[in-house]
Amino acid sequence: MAEKKNNVPPRIKALRLFHQDGIIDIISGAVLVNFGFDILNQSETTSLYTWIPILLLSSLKNKTTLPRLGYESLGRNKNQIKRWTFFPAAGMVLAMVVLGIFTLGDHINFQKLVILPFPGNSRNLISSSILAAALFIAGYLISLKRFYVYAAAALGAGLISYLFLPVYFPFFLTAGVMIAYGAHLMITFTRAYPLDDRTKNNEK
């Protein structure tokens, strides 16, 4: 096990460290909460509130993460670090667009094309499957295993809601898990990398 950890490329280690602050989890969870309210309010398109948390991702990283870690511990490549913020934000936008098409409006009537062997609401299973796939892909691309857990939670909640719970249930449940664990990560991160200590070290 130790050898496998040592074989992790430095770029992957830096990427994991960059996202160890829990910000991406909290932001993603906030987006899902707002999207869940869009479903609850029977909106045909995603509301402005759904997009606002995504806009905060870069500023939170710049104010919370980078002052504590510094560019040196992240590989000194500023453009690469900017991409580590941009691509997750772009992924959230893409995921919300796809979910909006298939969950809110379903203008292409995709739900009628899906025939399942058991009685239930296909809309629930379709939306949760898309969410689970998005989280799984995100976990793979940014090398964060906890996103696989989020994906499993979304899919499991979708299977339950398919049978007897409303379509917004998987989104609220997954969001709750992400925000709770993201808050835990942020508390741990800020304690491990105090801002004052880091600033003093940079001044030296």
C-alpha atoms as a PDB file:
ATOM      1  CA  MET A   1       0.000   0.000   0.000  1.00  0.00           C
ATOM      2  CA  ALA A   2       2.821   2.383   0.822  1.00  0.00           C
ATOM      3  CA  GLU A   3       4.449   1.720  -2.555  1.00  0.00           C
ATOM      4  CA  LYS A   4       1.197   2.515  -4.373  1.00  0.00           C
ATOM      5  CA  LYS A   5       0.878   5.822  -2.529  1.00  0.00           C
ATOM      6  CA  ASN A   6       4.467   6.711  -3.367  1.00  0.00           C
ATOM      7  CA  ASN A   7       3.804   5.972  -7.047  1.00  0.00           C
ATOM      8  CA  VAL A   8       1.116   8.656  -7.264  1.00  0.00           C
ATOM      9  CA  PRO A   9       2.359  11.362  -9.690  1.00  0.00           C
ATOM     10  CA  PRO A  10       3.171  14.725  -8.074  1.00  0.00           C
ATOM     11  CA  ARG A  11       0.512  16.452 -10.182  1.00  0.00           C
ATOM     12  CA  ILE A  12      -2.193  14.121  -8.837  1.00  0.00           C
ATOM     13  CA  LYS A  13      -0.981  14.663  -5.280  1.00  0.00           C
ATOM     14  CA  ALA A  14      -1.138  18.418  -5.780  1.00  0.00           C
ATOM     15  CA  LEU A  15      -4.600  18.163  -7.361  1.00  0.00           C
ATOM     16  CA  ARG A  16      -5.927  16.138  -4.422  1.00  0.00           C
ATOM     17  CA  LEU A  17      -4.394  18.594  -1.973  1.00  0.00           C
ATOM     18  CA  PHE A  18      -5.978  21.500  -3.842  1.00  0.00           C
ATOM     19  CA  HIS A  19      -9.429  19.926  -3.495  1.00  0.00           C
ATOM     20  CA  GLN A  20      -8.933  18.724   0.079  1.00  0.00           C
ATOM     21  CA  ASP A  21     -10.497  21.918   1.399  1.00  0.00           C
ATOM     22  CA  GLY A  22     -14.075  20.718   0.841  1.00  0.00           C
ATOM     23  CA  ILE A  23     -15.031  23.764  -1.218  1.00  0.00           C
ATOM     24  CA  ILE A  24     -15.910  21.822  -4.346  1.00  0.00           C
ATOM     25  CA  ASP A  25     -18.101  19.500  -2.251  1.00  0.00           C
ATOM     26  CA  ILE A  26     -19.962  22.385  -0.598  1.00  0.00           C
ATOM     27  CA  ILE A  27     -20.422  24.271  -3.870  1.00  0.00           C
ATOM     28  CA  SER A  28     -21.676  21.150  -5.666  1.00  0.00           C
ATOM     29  CA  GLY A  29     -24.032  20.410  -2.793  1.00  0.00           C
ATOM     30  CA  ALA A  30     -25.394  23.963  -2.846  1.00  0.00           C
ATOM     31  CA  VAL A  31     -26.036  23.678  -6.583  1.00  0.00           C
ATOM     32  CA  LEU A  32     -27.942  20.427  -6.042  1.00  0.00           C
ATOM     33  CA  VAL A  33     -30.025  21.965  -3.251  1.00  0.00           C
ATOM     34  CA  ASN A  34     -31.085  24.816  -5.538  1.00  0.00           C
ATOM     35  CA  PHE A  35     -31.766  22.396  -8.373  1.00  0.00           C
ATOM     36  CA  GLY A  36     -33.891  20.322  -6.021  1.00  0.00           C
ATOM     37  CA  PHE A  37     -35.963  23.423  -5.276  1.00  0.00           C
ATOM     38  CA  ASP A  38     -36.318  23.987  -9.027  1.00  0.00           C
ATOM     39  CA  ILE A  39     -37.882  20.527  -9.247  1.00  0.00           C
ATOM     40  CA  LEU A  40     -39.996  21.146  -6.161  1.00  0.00           C
ATOM     41  CA  ASN A  41     -41.288  24.413  -7.637  1.00  0.00           C
ATOM     42  CA  GLN A  42     -41.992  22.649 -10.949  1.00  0.00           C
ATOM     43  CA  SER A  43     -39.760  25.016 -12.887  1.00  0.00           C
ATOM     44  CA  GLU A  44     -39.200  24.264 -16.558  1.00  0.00           C
ATOM     45  CA  THR A  45     -35.689  25.713 -16.505  1.00  0.00           C
ATOM     46  CA  THR A  46     -32.970  26.023 -13.888  1.00  0.00           C
ATOM     47  CA  SER A  47     -33.271  29.175 -11.807  1.00  0.00           C
ATOM     48  CA  LEU A  48     -30.600  31.822 -11.357  1.00  0.00           C
ATOM     49  CA  TYR A  49     -30.010  30.621  -7.795  1.00  0.00           C
ATOM     50  CA  THR A  50     -28.805  27.269  -9.145  1.00  0.00           C
ATOM     51  CA  TRP A  51     -25.921  28.921 -10.996  1.00  0.00           C
ATOM     52  CA  ILE A  52     -24.794  31.394  -8.325  1.00  0.00           C
ATOM     53  CA  PRO A  53     -22.755  28.912  -6.200  1.00  0.00           C
ATOM     54  CA  ILE A  54     -20.701  27.945  -9.266  1.00  0.00           C
ATOM     55  CA  LEU A  55     -19.641  31.565  -9.675  1.00  0.00           C
ATOM     56  CA  LEU A  56     -18.255  31.524  -6.131  1.00  0.00           C
ATOM     57  CA  LEU A  57     -15.908  28.577  -6.687  1.00  0.00           C
ATOM     58  CA  SER A  58     -12.949  30.551  -8.026  1.00  0.00           C
ATOM     59  CA  SER A  59     -13.149  33.337  -5.436  1.00  0.00           C
ATOM     60  CA  LEU A  60     -13.409  30.863  -2.548  1.00  0.00           C
ATOM     61  CA  LYS A  61     -10.373  28.991  -3.818  1.00  0.00           C
ATOM     62  CA  ASN A  62      -8.409  32.224  -4.134  1.00  0.00           C
ATOM     63  CA  LYS A  63      -9.384  33.463  -0.663  1.00  0.00           C
ATOM     64  CA  THR A  64      -9.326  30.193   1.284  1.00  0.00           C
ATOM     65  CA  THR A  65      -7.131  27.602  -0.398  1.00  0.00           C
ATOM     66  CA  LEU A  66      -4.285  29.350  -2.184  1.00  0.00           C
ATOM     67  CA  PRO A  67      -3.256  31.625   0.737  1.00  0.00           C
ATOM     68  CA  ARG A  68      -2.912  28.550   2.941  1.00  0.00           C
ATOM     69  CA  LEU A  69      -1.143  26.237   0.498  1.00  0.00           C
ATOM     70  CA  GLY A  70       0.772  28.618  -1.740  1.00  0.00           C
ATOM     71  CA  TYR A  71       1.745  27.895  -5.330  1.00  0.00           C
ATOM     72  CA  GLU A  72       4.914  26.009  -4.406  1.00  0.00           C
ATOM     73  CA  SER A  73       3.089  23.089  -2.783  1.00  0.00           C
ATOM     74  CA  LEU A  74       0.800  22.881  -5.816  1.00  0.00           C
ATOM     75  CA  GLY A  75       3.512  22.644  -8.451  1.00  0.00           C
ATOM     76  CA  ARG A  76       4.067  26.368  -9.104  1.00  0.00           C
ATOM     77  CA  ASN A  77       2.052  26.191 -12.346  1.00  0.00           C
ATOM     78  CA  LYS A  78      -0.517  28.979 -12.015  1.00  0.00           C
ATOM     79  CA  ASN A  79      -2.243  28.149 -15.288  1.00  0.00           C
ATOM     80  CA  GLN A  80      -2.667  24.538 -14.218  1.00  0.00           C
ATOM     81  CA  ILE A  81      -4.129  25.616 -10.884  1.00  0.00           C
ATOM     82  CA  LYS A  82      -6.595  27.875 -12.704  1.00  0.00           C
ATOM     83  CA  ARG A  83      -7.661  24.884 -14.809  1.00  0.00           C
ATOM     84  CA  TRP A  84      -8.245  22.884 -11.614  1.00  0.00           C
ATOM     85  CA  THR A  85     -10.883  25.474 -10.743  1.00  0.00           C
ATOM     86  CA  PHE A  86     -12.251  26.140 -14.222  1.00  0.00           C
ATOM     87  CA  PHE A  87     -12.900  22.563 -15.326  1.00  0.00           C
ATOM     88  CA  PRO A  88     -14.938  21.540 -12.241  1.00  0.00           C
ATOM     89  CA  ALA A  89     -17.014  24.704 -12.651  1.00  0.00           C
ATOM     90  CA  ALA A  90     -17.541  23.954 -16.333  1.00  0.00           C
ATOM     91  CA  GLY A  91     -18.444  20.368 -15.438  1.00  0.00           C
ATOM     92  CA  MET A  92     -21.095  21.604 -12.987  1.00  0.00           C
ATOM     93  CA  VAL A  93     -22.588  23.832 -15.679  1.00  0.00           C
ATOM     94  CA  LEU A  94     -22.698  20.969 -18.176  1.00  0.00           C
ATOM     95  CA  ALA A  95     -24.236  18.605 -15.624  1.00  0.00           C
ATOM     96  CA  MET A  96     -26.935  21.130 -14.720  1.00  0.00           C
ATOM     97  CA  VAL A  97     -27.750  21.747 -18.382  1.00  0.00           C
ATOM     98  CA  VAL A  98     -28.155  18.027 -19.031  1.00  0.00           C
ATOM     99  CA  LEU A  99     -30.161  17.504 -15.843  1.00  0.00           C
ATOM    100  CA  GLY A 100     -32.339  20.483 -16.707  1.00  0.00           C
ATOM    101  CA  ILE A 101     -33.121  19.040 -20.132  1.00  0.00           C
ATOM    102  CA  PHE A 102     -34.033  15.578 -18.881  1.00  0.00           C
ATOM    103  CA  THR A 103     -35.484  16.417 -15.461  1.00  0.00           C
ATOM    104  CA  LEU A 104     -37.192  19.809 -15.537  1.00  0.00           C
ATOM    105  CA  GLY A 105     -38.680  20.174 -18.981  1.00  0.00           C
ATOM    106  CA  ASP A 106     -38.033  16.854 -20.758  1.00  0.00           C
ATOM    107  CA  HIS A 107     -38.876  18.595 -24.020  1.00  0.00           C
ATOM    108  CA  ILE A 108     -37.642  15.584 -25.992  1.00  0.00           C
ATOM    109  CA  ASN A 109     -40.063  13.241 -24.145  1.00  0.00           C
ATOM    110  CA  PHE A 110     -37.221  10.918 -23.203  1.00  0.00           C
ATOM    111  CA  GLN A 111     -39.169   9.515 -20.250  1.00  0.00           C
ATOM    112  CA  LYS A 112     -41.774   8.011 -22.568  1.00  0.00           C
ATOM    113  CA  LEU A 113     -39.051   6.198 -24.481  1.00  0.00           C
ATOM    114  CA  VAL A 114     -37.715   4.441 -21.380  1.00  0.00           C
ATOM    115  CA  ILE A 115     -39.494   1.185 -20.605  1.00  0.00           C
ATOM    116  CA  LEU A 116     -38.612  -0.354 -17.250  1.00  0.00           C
ATOM    117  CA  PRO A 117     -39.647  -3.810 -15.965  1.00  0.00           C
ATOM    118  CA  PHE A 118     -40.941  -2.524 -12.615  1.00  0.00           C
ATOM    119  CA  PRO A 119     -43.649   0.092 -12.005  1.00  0.00           C
ATOM    120  CA  GLY A 120     -42.321   3.433 -10.880  1.00  0.00           C
ATOM    121  CA  ASN A 121     -41.431   6.951 -11.943  1.00  0.00           C
ATOM    122  CA  SER A 122     -38.836   6.721 -14.720  1.00  0.00           C
ATOM    123  CA  ARG A 123     -38.092  10.433 -14.316  1.00  0.00           C
ATOM    124  CA  ASN A 124     -36.620   9.730 -10.876  1.00  0.00           C
ATOM    125  CA  LEU A 125     -34.340   6.990 -12.125  1.00  0.00           C
ATOM    126  CA  ILE A 126     -33.223   8.928 -15.199  1.00  0.00           C
ATOM    127  CA  SER A 127     -32.337  12.078 -13.266  1.00  0.00           C
ATOM    128  CA  SER A 128     -30.525  10.228 -10.483  1.00  0.00           C
ATOM    129  CA  SER A 129     -28.608   8.124 -13.009  1.00  0.00           C
ATOM    130  CA  ILE A 130     -27.442  11.267 -14.798  1.00  0.00           C
ATOM    131  CA  LEU A 131     -26.420  12.794 -11.471  1.00  0.00           C
ATOM    132  CA  ALA A 132     -24.582   9.628 -10.417  1.00  0.00           C
ATOM    133  CA  ALA A 133     -22.786   9.443 -13.764  1.00  0.00           C
ATOM    134  CA  ALA A 134     -21.726  13.106 -13.500  1.00  0.00           C
ATOM    135  CA  LEU A 135     -20.357  12.588  -9.994  1.00  0.00           C
ATOM    136  CA  PHE A 136     -18.543   9.401 -10.997  1.00  0.00           C
ATOM    137  CA  ILE A 137     -16.923  11.106 -13.997  1.00  0.00           C
ATOM    138  CA  ALA A 138     -15.965  14.070 -11.810  1.00  0.00           C
ATOM    139  CA  GLY A 139     -14.357  11.734  -9.286  1.00  0.00           C
ATOM    140  CA  TYR A 140     -12.369  10.053 -12.028  1.00  0.00           C
ATOM    141  CA  LEU A 141     -11.223  13.245 -13.743  1.00  0.00           C
ATOM    142  CA  ILE A 142     -10.177  15.105 -10.598  1.00  0.00           C
ATOM    143  CA  SER A 143      -8.960  11.950  -8.844  1.00  0.00           C
ATOM    144  CA  LEU A 144     -11.208  12.205  -5.779  1.00  0.00           C
ATOM    145  CA  LYS A 145     -12.543   8.883  -4.551  1.00  0.00           C
ATOM    146  CA  ARG A 146     -15.144  10.511  -2.300  1.00  0.00           C
ATOM    147  CA  PHE A 147     -17.068  11.496  -5.414  1.00  0.00           C
ATOM    148  CA  TYR A 148     -17.600   7.792  -6.097  1.00  0.00           C
ATOM    149  CA  VAL A 149     -19.377   7.639  -2.736  1.00  0.00           C
ATOM    150  CA  TYR A 150     -21.508  10.620  -3.722  1.00  0.00           C
ATOM    151  CA  ALA A 151     -22.345   8.885  -7.006  1.00  0.00           C
ATOM    152  CA  ALA A 152     -23.376   5.729  -5.153  1.00  0.00           C
ATOM    153  CA  ALA A 153     -25.539   7.794  -2.791  1.00  0.00           C
ATOM    154  CA  ALA A 154     -27.246   9.512  -5.724  1.00  0.00           C
ATOM    155  CA  LEU A 155     -27.910   6.240  -7.523  1.00  0.00           C
ATOM    156  CA  GLY A 156     -29.151   4.514  -4.368  1.00  0.00           C
ATOM    157  CA  ALA A 157     -31.458   7.421  -3.573  1.00  0.00           C
ATOM    158  CA  GLY A 158     -32.681   7.337  -7.156  1.00  0.00           C
ATOM    159  CA  LEU A 159     -33.586   3.665  -6.931  1.00  0.00           C
ATOM    160  CA  ILE A 160     -35.558   4.341  -3.753  1.00  0.00           C
ATOM    161  CA  SER A 161     -37.295   7.401  -5.163  1.00  0.00           C
ATOM    162  CA  TYR A 162     -38.125   5.484  -8.340  1.00  0.00           C
ATOM    163  CA  LEU A 163     -40.428   3.280  -6.289  1.00  0.00           C
ATOM    164  CA  PHE A 164     -42.155   5.627  -3.866  1.00  0.00           C
ATOM    165  CA  LEU A 165     -40.394   8.974  -3.245  1.00  0.00           C
ATOM    166  CA  PRO A 166     -40.497  12.307  -5.142  1.00  0.00           C
ATOM    167  CA  VAL A 167     -37.971  13.102  -7.856  1.00  0.00           C
ATOM    168  CA  TYR A 168     -36.222  15.805  -5.816  1.00  0.00           C
ATOM    169  CA  PHE A 169     -35.310  13.337  -3.036  1.00  0.00           C
ATOM    170  CA  PRO A 170     -31.999  12.115  -4.593  1.00  0.00           C
ATOM    171  CA  PHE A 171     -30.837  15.686  -5.094  1.00  0.00           C
ATOM    172  CA  PHE A 172     -31.528  16.801  -1.538  1.00  0.00           C
ATOM    173  CA  LEU A 173     -30.026  13.629  -0.075  1.00  0.00           C
ATOM    174  CA  THR A 174     -26.876  13.777  -2.194  1.00  0.00           C
ATOM    175  CA  ALA A 175     -26.542  17.497  -1.498  1.00  0.00           C
ATOM    176  CA  GLY A 176     -26.826  16.885   2.239  1.00  0.00           C
ATOM    177  CA  VAL A 177     -24.081  14.261   2.141  1.00  0.00           C
ATOM    178  CA  MET A 178     -21.789  16.493   0.070  1.00  0.00           C
ATOM    179  CA  ILE A 179     -22.298  19.608   2.174  1.00  0.00           C
ATOM    180  CA  ALA A 180     -21.861  17.737   5.458  1.00  0.00           C
ATOM    181  CA  TYR A 181     -18.656  16.017   4.379  1.00  0.00           C
ATOM    182  CA  GLY A 182     -17.426  19.166   2.637  1.00  0.00           C
ATOM    183  CA  ALA A 183     -17.858  21.133   5.867  1.00  0.00           C
ATOM    184  CA  HIS A 184     -15.899  18.443   7.724  1.00  0.00           C
ATOM    185  CA  LEU A 185     -13.112  18.672   5.140  1.00  0.00           C
ATOM    186  CA  MET A 186     -13.027  22.456   5.335  1.00  0.00           C
ATOM    187  CA  ILE A 187     -12.739  22.431   9.137  1.00  0.00           C
ATOM    188  CA  THR A 188      -9.953  19.848   8.962  1.00  0.00           C
ATOM    189  CA  PHE A 189      -8.187  21.745   6.171  1.00  0.00           C
ATOM    190  CA  THR A 190      -8.245  25.138   7.886  1.00  0.00           C
ATOM    191  CA  ARG A 191      -6.909  23.566  11.083  1.00  0.00           C
ATOM    192  CA  ALA A 192      -4.147  21.755   9.225  1.00  0.00           C
ATOM    193  CA  TYR A 193      -3.181  24.865   7.246  1.00  0.00           C
ATOM    194  CA  PRO A 194      -3.795  27.931   9.445  1.00  0.00           C
ATOM    195  CA  LEU A 195      -3.774  31.137   7.446  1.00  0.00           C
ATOM    196  CA  ASP A 196      -1.658  33.110   9.932  1.00  0.00           C
ATOM    197  CA  ASP A 197       1.086  30.462  10.100  1.00  0.00           C
ATOM    198  CA  ARG A 198       1.236  30.180   6.350  1.00  0.00           C
ATOM    199  CA  THR A 199       1.458  33.943   5.960  1.00  0.00           C
ATOM    200  CA  LYS A 200       4.321  34.141   8.458  1.00  0.00           C
ATOM    201  CA  ASN A 201       6.227  31.449   6.604  1.00  0.00           C
ATOM    202  CA  ASN A 202       5.789  33.297   3.298  1.00  0.00           C
ATOM    203  CA  GLU A 203       7.043  36.516   4.820  1.00  0.00           C
ATOM    204  CA  LYS A 204      10.232  34.778   5.951  1.00  0.00           C
END
